Amino acid sequence: MSMTDPIADLLTRIRNASKAKMKAVNVPASNVKREVARILKEEKFIKDVLEIPDKRQGILRLYLKYSREDEPIIKGLKRISRPGLRRYYNLEDLRRVGRTQVGVTIISTSRGIMTDGEAVKKNVGGEALFNVW
């Protein structure tokens, strides 16, 4: 079965595992998911990422992070751009969104996948994938 929106699938798996207080979640690997996982780790939303090889594309194991009170660090994930409605932000939109939002927006740019803050520093716009807080 083909998947029409692998990013939404990744976000749903993380959201469900976080609510179930699971320590780790497995997702099918892809280059975009590897970059998203790298950014989530850099921004300290997840503990670690482990790539498990298999006979197909591989599996990414994301280790989720919790507070001392056993509350998930990831409070919410919201998909912005989707296959049926793409959302593109130029540099001015990114500056405005960065001041008004909570959390981090992950942007797919011509220079790779990065946070909204990195995109503003590099003066590039792009497709807003999702928001995490």
C-alpha atoms as a PDB file:
ATOM      1  CA  MET A   1       0.000   0.000   0.000  1.00  0.00           C
ATOM      2  CA  SER A   2       1.416   3.365  -0.965  1.00  0.00           C
ATOM      3  CA  MET A   3       1.450   6.208   1.501  1.00  0.00           C
ATOM      4  CA  THR A   4       0.317   9.600   0.210  1.00  0.00           C
ATOM      5  CA  ASP A   5       1.694  11.707   3.073  1.00  0.00           C
ATOM      6  CA  PRO A   6       4.723  10.183   4.836  1.00  0.00           C
ATOM      7  CA  ILE A   7       5.353  13.326   6.929  1.00  0.00           C
ATOM      8  CA  ALA A   8       1.828  13.177   8.381  1.00  0.00           C
ATOM      9  CA  ASP A   9       2.407   9.484   9.119  1.00  0.00           C
ATOM     10  CA  LEU A  10       5.637  10.343  10.968  1.00  0.00           C
ATOM     11  CA  LEU A  11       3.900  13.048  13.010  1.00  0.00           C
ATOM     12  CA  THR A  12       0.978  10.762  13.869  1.00  0.00           C
ATOM     13  CA  ARG A  13       3.311   7.986  15.035  1.00  0.00           C
ATOM     14  CA  ILE A  14       5.233  10.428  17.251  1.00  0.00           C
ATOM     15  CA  ARG A  15       2.015  11.958  18.614  1.00  0.00           C
ATOM     16  CA  ASN A  16       0.478   8.548  19.427  1.00  0.00           C
ATOM     17  CA  ALA A  17       3.657   7.169  21.017  1.00  0.00           C
ATOM     18  CA  SER A  18       4.035  10.311  23.097  1.00  0.00           C
ATOM     19  CA  LYS A  19       0.468  10.087  24.407  1.00  0.00           C
ATOM     20  CA  ALA A  20       0.984   6.382  25.188  1.00  0.00           C
ATOM     21  CA  LYS A  21       4.217   7.298  27.067  1.00  0.00           C
ATOM     22  CA  MET A  22       6.306   4.957  24.915  1.00  0.00           C
ATOM     23  CA  LYS A  23      10.082   5.274  25.144  1.00  0.00           C
ATOM     24  CA  ALA A  24      10.659   4.852  21.396  1.00  0.00           C
ATOM     25  CA  VAL A  25       8.759   4.760  18.126  1.00  0.00           C
ATOM     26  CA  ASN A  26       9.743   3.082  14.846  1.00  0.00           C
ATOM     27  CA  VAL A  27       9.059   4.747  11.500  1.00  0.00           C
ATOM     28  CA  PRO A  28      10.016   3.723   7.955  1.00  0.00           C
ATOM     29  CA  ALA A  29      13.136   5.619   6.939  1.00  0.00           C
ATOM     30  CA  SER A  30      13.507   8.150   4.145  1.00  0.00           C
ATOM     31  CA  ASN A  31      15.883  11.054   3.542  1.00  0.00           C
ATOM     32  CA  VAL A  32      13.244  13.623   4.538  1.00  0.00           C
ATOM     33  CA  LYS A  33      12.404  11.742   7.748  1.00  0.00           C
ATOM     34  CA  ARG A  34      16.113  11.453   8.608  1.00  0.00           C
ATOM     35  CA  GLU A  35      16.493  15.228   8.297  1.00  0.00           C
ATOM     36  CA  VAL A  36      13.322  15.882  10.312  1.00  0.00           C
ATOM     37  CA  ALA A  37      14.548  13.519  13.042  1.00  0.00           C
ATOM     38  CA  ARG A  38      17.954  15.242  13.046  1.00  0.00           C
ATOM     39  CA  ILE A  39      16.287  18.633  13.535  1.00  0.00           C
ATOM     40  CA  LEU A  40      13.996  17.328  16.294  1.00  0.00           C
ATOM     41  CA  LYS A  41      17.080  15.980  18.075  1.00  0.00           C
ATOM     42  CA  GLU A  42      19.014  19.258  17.626  1.00  0.00           C
ATOM     43  CA  GLU A  43      16.053  21.221  18.990  1.00  0.00           C
ATOM     44  CA  LYS A  44      15.894  18.784  21.958  1.00  0.00           C
ATOM     45  CA  PHE A  45      12.386  17.488  21.269  1.00  0.00           C
ATOM     46  CA  ILE A  46      13.621  13.876  21.128  1.00  0.00           C
ATOM     47  CA  LYS A  47      16.515  12.111  22.886  1.00  0.00           C
ATOM     48  CA  ASP A  48      18.124  10.150  20.100  1.00  0.00           C
ATOM     49  CA  VAL A  49      17.679   8.648  16.643  1.00  0.00           C
ATOM     50  CA  LEU A  50      18.864   5.181  15.683  1.00  0.00           C
ATOM     51  CA  GLU A  51      18.803   3.835  12.143  1.00  0.00           C
ATOM     52  CA  ILE A  52      18.044   0.123  11.892  1.00  0.00           C
ATOM     53  CA  PRO A  53      18.845  -1.473   8.525  1.00  0.00           C
ATOM     54  CA  ASP A  54      16.447  -3.985   7.044  1.00  0.00           C
ATOM     55  CA  LYS A  55      15.920  -5.494   3.613  1.00  0.00           C
ATOM     56  CA  ARG A  56      13.863  -2.498   2.445  1.00  0.00           C
ATOM     57  CA  GLN A  57      14.440   1.212   3.113  1.00  0.00           C
ATOM     58  CA  GLY A  58      15.394   0.876   6.783  1.00  0.00           C
ATOM     59  CA  ILE A  59      13.734   1.901  10.016  1.00  0.00           C
ATOM     60  CA  LEU A  60      14.298   4.998  12.129  1.00  0.00           C
ATOM     61  CA  ARG A  61      13.869   4.488  15.858  1.00  0.00           C
ATOM     62  CA  LEU A  62      13.115   7.786  17.590  1.00  0.00           C
ATOM     63  CA  TYR A  63      13.640   7.842  21.353  1.00  0.00           C
ATOM     64  CA  LEU A  64      11.118  10.224  22.883  1.00  0.00           C
ATOM     65  CA  LYS A  65      11.937  12.670  25.658  1.00  0.00           C
ATOM     66  CA  TYR A  66       9.900  13.198  28.829  1.00  0.00           C
ATOM     67  CA  SER A  67      10.098  15.653  31.728  1.00  0.00           C
ATOM     68  CA  ARG A  68      10.771  14.659  35.333  1.00  0.00           C
ATOM     69  CA  GLU A  69       7.011  14.603  35.926  1.00  0.00           C
ATOM     70  CA  ASP A  70       6.711  12.045  33.070  1.00  0.00           C
ATOM     71  CA  GLU A  71       5.099  14.612  30.756  1.00  0.00           C
ATOM     72  CA  PRO A  72       6.067  14.461  27.067  1.00  0.00           C
ATOM     73  CA  ILE A  73       8.416  17.233  25.876  1.00  0.00           C
ATOM     74  CA  ILE A  74       6.495  17.373  22.588  1.00  0.00           C
ATOM     75  CA  LYS A  75       3.227  19.064  23.513  1.00  0.00           C
ATOM     76  CA  GLY A  76       1.903  19.261  19.970  1.00  0.00           C
ATOM     77  CA  LEU A  77       2.602  18.613  16.306  1.00  0.00           C
ATOM     78  CA  LYS A  78       0.633  20.309  13.549  1.00  0.00           C
ATOM     79  CA  ARG A  79       0.982  19.617   9.834  1.00  0.00           C
ATOM     80  CA  ILE A  80       1.012  22.889   7.875  1.00  0.00           C
ATOM     81  CA  SER A  81       1.618  21.968   4.238  1.00  0.00           C
ATOM     82  CA  ARG A  82      -0.054  18.833   2.938  1.00  0.00           C
ATOM     83  CA  PRO A  83      -0.334  17.132  -0.448  1.00  0.00           C
ATOM     84  CA  GLY A  84      -3.696  18.739  -1.218  1.00  0.00           C
ATOM     85  CA  LEU A  85      -2.705  22.238  -0.101  1.00  0.00           C
ATOM     86  CA  ARG A  86       0.928  23.284  -0.161  1.00  0.00           C
ATOM     87  CA  ARG A  87       1.937  26.230   2.061  1.00  0.00           C
ATOM     88  CA  TYR A  88       4.970  28.251   1.062  1.00  0.00           C
ATOM     89  CA  TYR A  89       6.471  30.993   3.213  1.00  0.00           C
ATOM     90  CA  ASN A  90       8.736  33.713   1.882  1.00  0.00           C
ATOM     91  CA  LEU A  91      11.287  35.420   4.104  1.00  0.00           C
ATOM     92  CA  GLU A  92       8.853  38.080   5.335  1.00  0.00           C
ATOM     93  CA  ASP A  93       6.246  35.425   6.237  1.00  0.00           C
ATOM     94  CA  LEU A  94       8.886  33.499   8.201  1.00  0.00           C
ATOM     95  CA  ARG A  95       9.875  36.587  10.177  1.00  0.00           C
ATOM     96  CA  ARG A  96       6.232  37.322  11.020  1.00  0.00           C
ATOM     97  CA  VAL A  97       5.430  33.708  11.949  1.00  0.00           C
ATOM     98  CA  GLY A  98       8.592  33.428  14.081  1.00  0.00           C
ATOM     99  CA  ARG A  99       7.482  36.333  16.270  1.00  0.00           C
ATOM    100  CA  THR A 100       3.911  35.159  16.813  1.00  0.00           C
ATOM    101  CA  GLN A 101       4.117  31.388  17.160  1.00  0.00           C
ATOM    102  CA  VAL A 102       5.066  29.019  19.926  1.00  0.00           C
ATOM    103  CA  GLY A 103       7.594  26.302  19.098  1.00  0.00           C
ATOM    104  CA  VAL A 104       9.495  25.657  15.896  1.00  0.00           C
ATOM    105  CA  THR A 105       8.349  25.433  12.284  1.00  0.00           C
ATOM    106  CA  ILE A 106      10.212  22.952  10.084  1.00  0.00           C
ATOM    107  CA  ILE A 107      10.762  24.339   6.572  1.00  0.00           C
ATOM    108  CA  SER A 108      11.805  22.533   3.391  1.00  0.00           C
ATOM    109  CA  THR A 109      13.996  24.961   1.436  1.00  0.00           C
ATOM    110  CA  SER A 110      16.210  24.824  -1.614  1.00  0.00           C
ATOM    111  CA  ARG A 111      19.128  24.486   0.829  1.00  0.00           C
ATOM    112  CA  GLY A 112      17.628  21.535   2.701  1.00  0.00           C
ATOM    113  CA  ILE A 113      15.259  21.021   5.601  1.00  0.00           C
ATOM    114  CA  MET A 114      15.737  23.470   8.476  1.00  0.00           C
ATOM    115  CA  THR A 115      13.937  25.369  11.215  1.00  0.00           C
ATOM    116  CA  ASP A 116      12.281  28.704  10.579  1.00  0.00           C
ATOM    117  CA  GLY A 117      15.039  30.479  12.534  1.00  0.00           C
ATOM    118  CA  GLU A 118      17.773  28.927  10.380  1.00  0.00           C
ATOM    119  CA  ALA A 119      15.840  29.842   7.222  1.00  0.00           C
ATOM    120  CA  VAL A 120      15.632  33.494   8.317  1.00  0.00           C
ATOM    121  CA  LYS A 121      19.389  33.537   9.054  1.00  0.00           C
ATOM    122  CA  LYS A 122      20.128  32.069   5.601  1.00  0.00           C
ATOM    123  CA  ASN A 123      17.596  34.395   3.898  1.00  0.00           C
ATOM    124  CA  VAL A 124      15.565  31.620   2.262  1.00  0.00           C
ATOM    125  CA  GLY A 125      11.894  30.745   2.198  1.00  0.00           C
ATOM    126  CA  GLY A 126      10.266  27.431   1.453  1.00  0.00           C
ATOM    127  CA  GLU A 127       7.486  24.968   2.123  1.00  0.00           C
ATOM    128  CA  ALA A 128       6.379  24.888   5.758  1.00  0.00           C
ATOM    129  CA  LEU A 129       6.140  21.205   6.648  1.00  0.00           C
ATOM    130  CA  PHE A 130       4.914  21.279  10.252  1.00  0.00           C
ATOM    131  CA  ASN A 131       5.002  23.074  13.587  1.00  0.00           C
ATOM    132  CA  VAL A 132       6.226  21.428  16.798  1.00  0.00           C
ATOM    133  CA  TRP A 133       5.938  22.798  20.335  1.00  0.00           C
END
